[in-house]
Amino acid sequence: MDGAKPPPAAGGKQELEEALLHIVQQHHHHQSFRQRQQTERAKKDALRSAVRVSDLLVDTVDGGVQELFVNEKRIEHEARALLITIARYRKQTDQWLAATNEINSVLKEIGDFENWMKIMDFDCKSINAAIRNIHQS
């Protein structure tokens, strides 16, 4: 009998070891499970943060691009308005130049007429003097 069955204390020790081993395995499994959950949660949080940062960066870049686009359109509009104003001033300048040339031409004609009048006056005085000389002789 003594050799057939281990003493109850020895059997209880083995059961106790198995129970403790089972508890350690459960604890290890539970800790492992919790660690995986925390890792998954941290990974999801990191992913959400990365997506948020990415969205903010895209919004910032898009905002800058949008501002540049608006400024470009405004500059193009102002450039077109400036070209229209330049064309209008060029036309007005051409009109002033034509008017100035016309005035110069008229002044030249007046000067030519005045010179012709002086010549005619001199010729008339010469003819008048010649007739007086003939008449007095």
Protein backbone atom coordinates (compact mmCIF):
# COMPACT_ATOMS: atom_id res chain seq x y z
CA MET A 1 0.00 0.00 0.00
CA ASP A 2 2.76 2.27 0.82
CA GLY A 3 4.34 1.89 -2.62
CA ALA A 4 1.10 1.70 -4.59
CA LYS A 5 -0.24 5.15 -3.87
CA PRO A 6 1.68 8.26 -3.25
CA PRO A 7 0.88 9.87 0.01
CA PRO A 8 -1.99 12.30 -0.10
CA ALA A 9 0.32 15.16 0.73
CA ALA A 10 2.41 14.43 -2.33
CA GLY A 11 -0.72 14.23 -4.52
CA GLY A 12 -1.97 17.47 -3.04
CA LYS A 13 1.37 19.08 -3.79
CA GLN A 14 1.17 18.05 -7.44
CA GLU A 15 -2.38 19.34 -7.68
CA LEU A 16 -1.29 22.52 -5.98
CA GLU A 17 1.61 22.88 -8.46
CA GLU A 18 -0.74 22.24 -11.36
CA ALA A 19 -3.23 24.73 -9.93
CA LEU A 20 -0.46 27.32 -9.44
CA LEU A 21 0.87 26.61 -12.93
CA HIS A 22 -2.65 26.97 -14.29
CA ILE A 23 -3.07 30.26 -12.38
CA VAL A 24 0.30 31.53 -13.73
CA GLN A 25 -0.67 30.49 -17.26
CA GLN A 26 -4.05 32.22 -16.91
CA HIS A 27 -2.34 35.29 -15.50
CA HIS A 28 0.20 35.25 -18.33
CA HIS A 29 -2.60 34.72 -20.90
CA HIS A 30 -4.67 37.51 -19.30
CA GLN A 31 -1.65 39.89 -19.20
CA SER A 32 -0.83 38.99 -22.79
CA PHE A 33 -4.43 39.64 -23.82
CA ARG A 34 -4.47 43.01 -21.96
CA GLN A 35 -1.12 43.94 -23.51
CA ARG A 36 -2.48 43.15 -27.00
CA GLN A 37 -5.58 45.23 -26.28
CA GLN A 38 -3.46 48.16 -25.08
CA THR A 39 -1.20 47.80 -28.10
CA GLU A 40 -4.21 47.71 -30.43
CA ARG A 41 -5.71 50.74 -28.67
CA ALA A 42 -2.40 52.59 -28.87
CA LYS A 43 -2.05 51.63 -32.55
CA LYS A 44 -5.58 52.87 -33.29
CA ASP A 45 -4.92 56.10 -31.36
CA ALA A 46 -1.65 56.59 -33.24
CA LEU A 47 -3.40 55.94 -36.54
CA ARG A 48 -6.18 58.40 -35.67
CA SER A 49 -3.55 60.97 -34.66
CA ALA A 50 -1.62 60.40 -37.87
CA VAL A 51 -4.79 60.79 -39.92
CA ARG A 52 -5.65 63.98 -38.01
CA VAL A 53 -2.14 65.38 -38.54
CA SER A 54 -2.33 64.43 -42.20
CA ASP A 55 -5.73 66.13 -42.54
CA LEU A 56 -4.43 69.25 -40.80
CA LEU A 57 -1.37 69.34 -43.05
CA VAL A 58 -3.51 68.89 -46.15
CA ASP A 59 -5.89 71.60 -44.94
CA THR A 60 -2.97 73.92 -44.30
CA VAL A 61 -1.42 73.26 -47.70
CA ASP A 62 -4.81 73.47 -49.41
CA GLY A 63 -5.49 76.75 -47.61
CA GLY A 64 -2.19 78.14 -48.87
CA VAL A 65 -2.85 76.86 -52.38
CA GLN A 66 -6.35 78.29 -52.30
CA GLU A 67 -5.01 81.64 -51.13
CA LEU A 68 -2.41 81.57 -53.91
CA PHE A 69 -5.11 80.72 -56.45
CA VAL A 70 -7.28 83.62 -55.25
CA ASN A 71 -4.29 85.98 -55.38
CA GLU A 72 -3.39 84.75 -58.86
CA LYS A 73 -6.94 85.39 -60.09
CA ARG A 74 -6.92 88.86 -58.50
CA ILE A 75 -3.58 89.68 -60.12
CA GLU A 76 -4.80 88.42 -63.51
CA HIS A 77 -7.93 90.57 -63.17
CA GLU A 78 -5.88 93.63 -62.22
CA ALA A 79 -3.44 92.95 -65.09
CA ARG A 80 -6.35 92.80 -67.57
CA ALA A 81 -7.76 96.04 -66.15
CA LEU A 82 -4.31 97.62 -66.42
CA LEU A 83 -3.98 96.51 -70.06
CA ILE A 84 -7.38 98.05 -70.81
CA THR A 85 -6.32 101.30 -69.11
CA ILE A 86 -3.02 101.32 -71.03
CA ALA A 87 -4.88 100.79 -74.32
CA ARG A 88 -7.23 103.65 -73.45
CA TYR A 89 -4.30 105.95 -72.57
CA ARG A 90 -2.47 104.94 -75.76
CA LYS A 91 -5.54 105.83 -77.81
CA GLN A 92 -5.90 109.13 -75.98
CA THR A 93 -2.19 109.88 -76.48
CA ASP A 94 -2.50 109.11 -80.19
CA GLN A 95 -5.47 111.49 -80.38
CA TRP A 96 -3.47 114.21 -78.60
CA LEU A 97 -0.53 113.61 -80.93
CA ALA A 98 -2.80 113.89 -83.97
CA ALA A 99 -4.35 117.08 -82.57
CA THR A 100 -0.88 118.51 -81.85
CA ASN A 101 0.27 117.68 -85.39
CA GLU A 102 -2.88 119.33 -86.75
CA ILE A 103 -2.24 122.44 -84.65
CA ASN A 104 1.38 122.53 -85.84
CA SER A 105 0.20 122.22 -89.43
CA VAL A 106 -2.32 125.02 -88.95
CA LEU A 107 0.31 127.21 -87.28
CA LYS A 108 2.65 126.54 -90.17
CA GLU A 109 -0.09 127.51 -92.61
CA ILE A 110 -0.75 130.66 -90.58
CA GLY A 111 2.99 131.41 -90.63
CA ASP A 112 3.07 130.78 -94.38
CA PHE A 113 0.03 133.03 -94.85
CA GLU A 114 1.58 135.74 -92.67
CA ASN A 115 4.81 135.53 -94.68
CA TRP A 116 2.79 135.70 -97.93
CA MET A 117 0.94 138.71 -96.56
CA LYS A 118 4.23 140.47 -95.73
CA ILE A 119 5.53 139.71 -99.21
CA MET A 120 2.28 140.97 -100.73
CA ASP A 121 2.47 144.10 -98.54
CA PHE A 122 6.06 144.69 -99.63
CA ASP A 123 5.13 144.07 -103.29
CA CYS A 124 2.15 146.43 -103.00
CA LYS A 125 4.33 149.12 -101.41
CA SER A 126 6.95 148.62 -104.12
CA ILE A 127 4.30 148.89 -106.85
CA ASN A 128 2.79 151.94 -105.13
CA ALA A 129 6.24 153.59 -104.88
CA ALA A 130 6.93 152.79 -108.52
CA ILE A 131 3.59 154.26 -109.59
CA ARG A 132 4.28 157.44 -107.53
CA ASN A 133 7.68 157.76 -109.06
CA ILE A 134 6.18 157.40 -112.54
CA HIS A 135 3.41 159.76 -111.72
CA GLN A 136 5.75 162.39 -110.27
CA SER A 137 8.12 162.24 -113.14
